[in-house]
C-alpha atoms as a PDB file:
ATOM      1  CA  GLY A   1      28.984 -13.990 -14.801  1.00  0.00           C
ATOM      2  CA  ASN A   2      27.179 -13.941 -18.085  1.00  0.00           C
ATOM      3  CA  ILE A   3      23.590 -13.951 -16.811  1.00  0.00           C
ATOM      4  CA  LEU A   4      22.002 -13.359 -20.200  1.00  0.00           C
ATOM      5  CA  GLY A   5      24.278 -15.487 -22.369  1.00  0.00           C
ATOM      6  CA  ARG A   6      24.105 -19.001 -23.788  1.00  0.00           C
ATOM      7  CA  GLU A   7      25.517 -20.510 -20.619  1.00  0.00           C
ATOM      8  CA  GLN A   8      22.236 -19.723 -18.846  1.00  0.00           C
ATOM      9  CA  HIS A   9      20.070 -21.608 -21.357  1.00  0.00           C
ATOM     10  CA  GLY A  10      20.216 -24.801 -19.269  1.00  0.00           C
ATOM     11  CA  ASP A  11      19.273 -22.901 -16.112  1.00  0.00           C
ATOM     12  CA  ILE A  12      16.216 -21.435 -17.832  1.00  0.00           C
ATOM     13  CA  LEU A  13      15.116 -24.877 -18.993  1.00  0.00           C
ATOM     14  CA  ALA A  14      15.658 -26.335 -15.526  1.00  0.00           C
ATOM     15  CA  VAL A  15      13.586 -23.804 -13.551  1.00  0.00           C
ATOM     16  CA  GLY A  16      11.254 -22.405 -16.178  1.00  0.00           C
ATOM     17  CA  PHE A  17      11.359 -18.957 -17.700  1.00  0.00           C
ATOM     18  CA  GLU A  18       9.075 -17.205 -15.201  1.00  0.00           C
ATOM     19  CA  MET A  19      10.948 -18.541 -12.175  1.00  0.00           C
ATOM     20  CA  TYR A  20      14.257 -17.693 -13.859  1.00  0.00           C
ATOM     21  CA  VAL A  21      13.091 -14.091 -14.410  1.00  0.00           C
ATOM     22  CA  LYS A  22      11.972 -13.881 -10.769  1.00  0.00           C
ATOM     23  CA  LEU A  23      15.342 -15.194  -9.536  1.00  0.00           C
ATOM     24  CA  LEU A  24      17.180 -12.838 -11.873  1.00  0.00           C
ATOM     25  CA  ASP A  25      15.081  -9.885 -10.699  1.00  0.00           C
ATOM     26  CA  GLU A  26      15.813 -10.778  -7.073  1.00  0.00           C
ATOM     27  CA  ALA A  27      19.560 -11.072  -7.756  1.00  0.00           C
ATOM     28  CA  ILE A  28      19.597  -7.657  -9.449  1.00  0.00           C
ATOM     29  CA  ARG A  29      17.738  -6.071  -6.516  1.00  0.00           C
ATOM     30  CA  LYS A  30      20.211  -7.631  -4.073  1.00  0.00           C
ATOM     31  CA  LEU A  31      23.112  -6.143  -6.026  1.00  0.00           C
ATOM     32  CA  LYS A  32      21.482  -2.702  -6.254  1.00  0.00           C
ATOM     33  CA  GLU A  33      20.251  -2.493  -2.667  1.00  0.00           C
ATOM     34  CA  GLY A  34      23.166  -4.250  -0.989  1.00  0.00           C
ATOM     35  CA  GLU A  35      22.607  -4.509   2.754  1.00  0.00           C
ATOM     36  CA  ALA A  36      19.207  -2.769   2.591  1.00  0.00           C
ATOM     37  CA  TYR A  37      17.742  -5.628   0.552  1.00  0.00           C
ATOM     38  CA  GLN A  38      15.068  -7.688   2.281  1.00  0.00           C
ATOM     39  CA  GLU A  39      13.875 -10.862   0.646  1.00  0.00           C
ATOM     40  CA  GLU A  40      10.161 -10.700  -0.085  1.00  0.00           C
ATOM     41  CA  ILE A  41       7.951 -12.961   1.954  1.00  0.00           C
ATOM     42  CA  GLU A  42       5.925 -15.349  -0.164  1.00  0.00           C
ATOM     43  CA  PRO A  43       2.935 -16.175   2.033  1.00  0.00           C
ATOM     44  CA  VAL A  44       1.548 -19.692   2.241  1.00  0.00           C
ATOM     45  CA  LEU A  45      -2.250 -19.713   2.318  1.00  0.00           C
ATOM     46  CA  ASP A  46      -4.243 -22.709   3.454  1.00  0.00           C
ATOM     47  CA  LEU A  47      -7.829 -21.497   3.107  1.00  0.00           C
ATOM     48  CA  LYS A  48     -11.164 -23.134   2.500  1.00  0.00           C
ATOM     49  CA  TYR A  49     -12.349 -21.727  -0.782  1.00  0.00           C
ATOM     50  CA  ARG A  50     -13.582 -22.668  -4.178  1.00  0.00           C
ATOM     51  CA  GLY A  51     -12.191 -20.198  -6.641  1.00  0.00           C
ATOM     52  CA  PHE A  52     -11.547 -20.781 -10.295  1.00  0.00           C
ATOM     53  CA  ILE A  53     -12.066 -19.321 -13.756  1.00  0.00           C
ATOM     54  CA  PRO A  54     -15.063 -21.107 -15.285  1.00  0.00           C
ATOM     55  CA  ARG A  55     -14.706 -22.564 -18.760  1.00  0.00           C
ATOM     56  CA  GLU A  56     -17.994 -20.849 -19.680  1.00  0.00           C
ATOM     57  CA  PHE A  57     -16.481 -17.449 -18.829  1.00  0.00           C
ATOM     58  CA  ILE A  58     -13.200 -17.868 -20.733  1.00  0.00           C
ATOM     59  CA  GLN A  59     -13.459 -20.708 -23.257  1.00  0.00           C
ATOM     60  CA  SER A  60      -9.813 -20.716 -24.314  1.00  0.00           C
ATOM     61  CA  GLU A  61      -7.719 -22.908 -22.022  1.00  0.00           C
ATOM     62  CA  LYS A  62      -4.635 -20.972 -23.096  1.00  0.00           C
ATOM     63  CA  LEU A  63      -6.226 -17.659 -22.037  1.00  0.00           C
ATOM     64  CA  ARG A  64      -7.420 -19.116 -18.710  1.00  0.00           C
ATOM     65  CA  ILE A  65      -3.898 -20.339 -17.951  1.00  0.00           C
ATOM     66  CA  GLU A  66      -2.514 -16.922 -18.881  1.00  0.00           C
ATOM     67  CA  ILE A  67      -4.953 -15.219 -16.479  1.00  0.00           C
ATOM     68  CA  TYR A  68      -4.075 -17.715 -13.704  1.00  0.00           C
ATOM     69  CA  LYS A  69      -0.368 -16.954 -14.221  1.00  0.00           C
ATOM     70  CA  ARG A  70      -0.999 -13.227 -14.131  1.00  0.00           C
ATOM     71  CA  LEU A  71      -3.069 -13.566 -10.946  1.00  0.00           C
ATOM     72  CA  ALA A  72      -0.234 -15.557  -9.365  1.00  0.00           C
ATOM     73  CA  SER A  73       2.328 -12.885 -10.228  1.00  0.00           C
ATOM     74  CA  VAL A  74       0.322  -9.816  -9.152  1.00  0.00           C
ATOM     75  CA  ARG A  75       2.224  -7.871  -6.478  1.00  0.00           C
ATOM     76  CA  SER A  76      -0.158  -5.054  -5.531  1.00  0.00           C
ATOM     77  CA  HIS A  77      -3.825  -4.188  -5.370  1.00  0.00           C
ATOM     78  CA  SER A  78      -3.416  -1.577  -8.099  1.00  0.00           C
ATOM     79  CA  GLU A  79      -1.909  -4.260 -10.363  1.00  0.00           C
ATOM     80  CA  LEU A  80      -4.767  -6.614  -9.480  1.00  0.00           C
ATOM     81  CA  ASN A  81      -7.379  -3.933 -10.160  1.00  0.00           C
ATOM     82  CA  ALA A  82      -5.840  -3.241 -13.576  1.00  0.00           C
ATOM     83  CA  LEU A  83      -6.012  -6.963 -14.393  1.00  0.00           C
ATOM     84  CA  ILE A  84      -9.641  -7.150 -13.221  1.00  0.00           C
ATOM     85  CA  GLU A  85     -10.570  -4.175 -15.414  1.00  0.00           C
ATOM     86  CA  GLU A  86      -8.874  -5.816 -18.387  1.00  0.00           C
ATOM     87  CA  VAL A  87     -10.729  -9.096 -17.800  1.00  0.00           C
ATOM     88  CA  ILE A  88     -14.075  -7.275 -17.525  1.00  0.00           C
ATOM     89  CA  ASP A  89     -13.348  -5.329 -20.724  1.00  0.00           C
ATOM     90  CA  ARG A  90     -12.475  -8.520 -22.601  1.00  0.00           C
ATOM     91  CA  PHE A  91     -14.950 -11.031 -21.176  1.00  0.00           C
ATOM     92  CA  GLY A  92     -17.711  -9.191 -19.307  1.00  0.00           C
ATOM     93  CA  ARG A  93     -19.012  -9.481 -15.767  1.00  0.00           C
ATOM     94  CA  ILE A  94     -16.841 -11.683 -13.539  1.00  0.00           C
ATOM     95  CA  PRO A  95     -18.654 -14.762 -12.153  1.00  0.00           C
ATOM     96  CA  GLU A  96     -18.720 -15.575  -8.429  1.00  0.00           C
ATOM     97  CA  SER A  97     -16.202 -18.441  -8.640  1.00  0.00           C
ATOM     98  CA  PHE A  98     -13.695 -16.062 -10.246  1.00  0.00           C
ATOM     99  CA  GLU A  99     -14.504 -13.399  -7.601  1.00  0.00           C
ATOM    100  CA  ASN A 100     -13.616 -16.008  -4.947  1.00  0.00           C
ATOM    101  CA  LEU A 101     -10.236 -16.492  -6.610  1.00  0.00           C
ATOM    102  CA  ILE A 102      -9.686 -12.714  -6.727  1.00  0.00           C
ATOM    103  CA  ASP A 103     -10.465 -12.493  -2.995  1.00  0.00           C
ATOM    104  CA  VAL A 104      -7.748 -15.067  -2.295  1.00  0.00           C
ATOM    105  CA  VAL A 105      -5.278 -12.997  -4.349  1.00  0.00           C
ATOM    106  CA  LYS A 106      -6.243  -9.922  -2.273  1.00  0.00           C
ATOM    107  CA  ILE A 107      -5.569 -11.889   0.910  1.00  0.00           C
ATOM    108  CA  ARG A 108      -2.179 -13.041  -0.459  1.00  0.00           C
ATOM    109  CA  ILE A 109      -1.188  -9.437  -1.266  1.00  0.00           C
ATOM    110  CA  LEU A 110      -2.260  -8.276   2.209  1.00  0.00           C
ATOM    111  CA  CYS A 111      -0.249 -11.093   3.823  1.00  0.00           C
ATOM    112  CA  LYS A 112       2.813 -10.266   1.755  1.00  0.00           C
ATOM    113  CA  GLU A 113       2.624  -6.558   2.563  1.00  0.00           C
ATOM    114  CA  VAL A 114       2.104  -6.918   6.326  1.00  0.00           C
ATOM    115  CA  GLY A 115       4.631  -9.742   6.761  1.00  0.00           C
ATOM    116  CA  ILE A 116       2.478 -12.830   7.236  1.00  0.00           C
ATOM    117  CA  ARG A 117       4.288 -16.065   6.322  1.00  0.00           C
ATOM    118  CA  TYR A 118       1.390 -18.529   6.893  1.00  0.00           C
ATOM    119  CA  LEU A 119      -2.365 -18.077   6.964  1.00  0.00           C
ATOM    120  CA  ARG A 120      -4.160 -21.305   7.831  1.00  0.00           C
ATOM    121  CA  GLU A 121      -7.867 -21.839   8.176  1.00  0.00           C
ATOM    122  CA  LYS A 122      -9.145 -24.672  10.326  1.00  0.00           C
ATOM    123  CA  GLU A 123     -12.657 -25.561  11.493  1.00  0.00           C
ATOM    124  CA  ASN A 124     -13.456 -22.408  13.509  1.00  0.00           C
ATOM    125  CA  GLU A 125     -10.012 -20.910  13.637  1.00  0.00           C
ATOM    126  CA  ILE A 126      -7.598 -18.909  11.535  1.00  0.00           C
ATOM    127  CA  GLN A 127      -3.880 -19.106  12.340  1.00  0.00           C
ATOM    128  CA  VAL A 128      -1.695 -16.176  11.341  1.00  0.00           C
ATOM    129  CA  THR A 129       2.086 -16.691  11.523  1.00  0.00           C
ATOM    130  CA  PHE A 130       4.156 -13.537  11.189  1.00  0.00           C
ATOM    131  CA  GLU A 131       7.637 -13.141   9.762  1.00  0.00           C
ATOM    132  CA  LYS A 132       9.317  -9.749   9.680  1.00  0.00           C
ATOM    133  CA  SER A 133       5.948  -8.189  10.317  1.00  0.00           C
ATOM    134  CA  ARG A 134       5.242  -4.646   9.212  1.00  0.00           C
ATOM    135  CA  ILE A 135       2.123  -4.082  11.294  1.00  0.00           C
ATOM    136  CA  ASN A 136       1.541  -1.711  14.175  1.00  0.00           C
ATOM    137  CA  ILE A 137       1.971  -4.209  17.000  1.00  0.00           C
ATOM    138  CA  LEU A 138       0.546  -1.863  19.660  1.00  0.00           C
ATOM    139  CA  ASN A 139      -2.716  -1.491  17.731  1.00  0.00           C
ATOM    140  CA  LEU A 140      -2.886  -5.265  17.260  1.00  0.00           C
ATOM    141  CA  ILE A 141      -2.333  -5.901  20.990  1.00  0.00           C
ATOM    142  CA  LYS A 142      -5.070  -3.388  21.788  1.00  0.00           C
ATOM    143  CA  LYS A 143      -7.491  -5.205  19.457  1.00  0.00           C
ATOM    144  CA  ILE A 144      -6.528  -8.578  20.932  1.00  0.00           C
ATOM    145  CA  ASN A 145      -7.150  -7.279  24.460  1.00  0.00           C
ATOM    146  CA  GLU A 146     -10.555  -5.888  23.433  1.00  0.00           C
ATOM    147  CA  ASP A 147     -11.832  -9.362  22.585  1.00  0.00           C
ATOM    148  CA  ARG A 148      -9.775 -12.113  24.223  1.00  0.00           C
ATOM    149  CA  ARG A 149     -12.513 -14.646  23.426  1.00  0.00           C
ATOM    150  CA  ILE A 150     -11.469 -14.805  19.784  1.00  0.00           C
ATOM    151  CA  PHE A 151      -7.729 -14.026  19.927  1.00  0.00           C
ATOM    152  CA  SER A 152      -4.811 -15.850  21.491  1.00  0.00           C
ATOM    153  CA  ILE A 153      -1.074 -16.119  21.017  1.00  0.00           C
ATOM    154  CA  SER A 154       0.524 -19.470  21.758  1.00  0.00           C
ATOM    155  CA  PRO A 155       3.222 -19.421  24.454  1.00  0.00           C
ATOM    156  CA  LYS A 156       5.123 -22.008  22.380  1.00  0.00           C
ATOM    157  CA  ASP A 157       4.992 -19.941  19.195  1.00  0.00           C
ATOM    158  CA  TYR A 158       4.692 -16.231  19.905  1.00  0.00           C
ATOM    159  CA  ASN A 159       4.766 -15.451  16.151  1.00  0.00           C
ATOM    160  CA  THR A 160       1.396 -17.136  15.621  1.00  0.00           C
ATOM    161  CA  LEU A 161      -1.905 -15.424  16.306  1.00  0.00           C
ATOM    162  CA  HIS A 162      -4.944 -17.688  16.704  1.00  0.00           C
ATOM    163  CA  ILE A 163      -8.287 -16.208  15.714  1.00  0.00           C
ATOM    164  CA  TYR A 164     -11.210 -18.290  16.950  1.00  0.00           C
ATOM    165  CA  LYS A 165     -13.882 -17.063  14.624  1.00  0.00           C
ATOM    166  CA  SER A 166     -15.726 -18.599  11.724  1.00  0.00           C
ATOM    167  CA  ILE A 167     -15.585 -16.247   8.757  1.00  0.00           C
ATOM    168  CA  PRO A 168     -17.907 -17.403   5.967  1.00  0.00           C
ATOM    169  CA  ASP A 169     -16.092 -16.368   2.803  1.00  0.00           C
ATOM    170  CA  ASN A 170     -12.811 -14.970   1.546  1.00  0.00           C
ATOM    171  CA  ARG A 171     -14.142 -11.464   0.944  1.00  0.00           C
ATOM    172  CA  ALA A 172     -15.185 -11.315   4.614  1.00  0.00           C
ATOM    173  CA  LYS A 173     -11.780 -12.763   5.637  1.00  0.00           C
ATOM    174  CA  PHE A 174     -10.007 -10.070   3.630  1.00  0.00           C
ATOM    175  CA  GLU A 175     -12.112  -7.302   5.222  1.00  0.00           C
ATOM    176  CA  PHE A 176     -11.588  -8.771   8.714  1.00  0.00           C
ATOM    177  CA  LEU A 177      -7.789  -9.018   8.257  1.00  0.00           C
ATOM    178  CA  LYS A 178      -7.668  -5.567   6.676  1.00  0.00           C
ATOM    179  CA  GLU A 179      -9.312  -4.043   9.751  1.00  0.00           C
ATOM    180  CA  LEU A 180      -7.355  -6.173  12.227  1.00  0.00           C
ATOM    181  CA  PHE A 181      -3.988  -5.103  10.788  1.00  0.00           C
ATOM    182  CA  ASP A 182      -4.959  -1.480   9.950  1.00  0.00           C
ATOM    183  CA  TYR A 183      -4.182  -2.293   6.330  1.00  0.00           C
ATOM    184  CA  GLU A 184      -4.812   0.122   3.482  1.00  0.00           C
ATOM    185  CA  GLU A 185      -4.946  -1.089  -0.112  1.00  0.00           C
ATOM    186  CA  ASP A 186      -2.887   0.703  -2.754  1.00  0.00           C
ATOM    187  CA  ILE A 187      -5.661   1.352  -5.226  1.00  0.00           C
END
């Protein structure tokens, strides 16, 4: 069909330009890669955190929204680091509340890259649900067996790992998950 013509104008209005571009990009990749194409996992994070861009740091609401959108669309740590450098160059030292938001983005990227569909934080527990995981399962089993007090896998849902550990902040969560899954950032 005519994916860039006038006929698509209504589709763009219905889903929004950014979502339309994402869907278009995915359709093009499917056509190029054929059978080898694997749909990207978009992780769902349910974490306790307080991350935001303070009004005092970036006064312009329009610029804050732009940065939020860019953070939401970042696909790799190298992309995130480039955005962080740009923000520091433009606005100065990043405040703690913004750092908290960045840590959540790092966790989302990690989840996406290792194949985690859901990451839920409860009172003293983190639940990790895998989908098409790309982790070294033997290393993970070894780590689970080393400390069975904090790890369990539900017999009802073998794709979900329960971690019974209170981790104080998102930076510590990222570091913990990074070590647990033998994850290396693309810097």
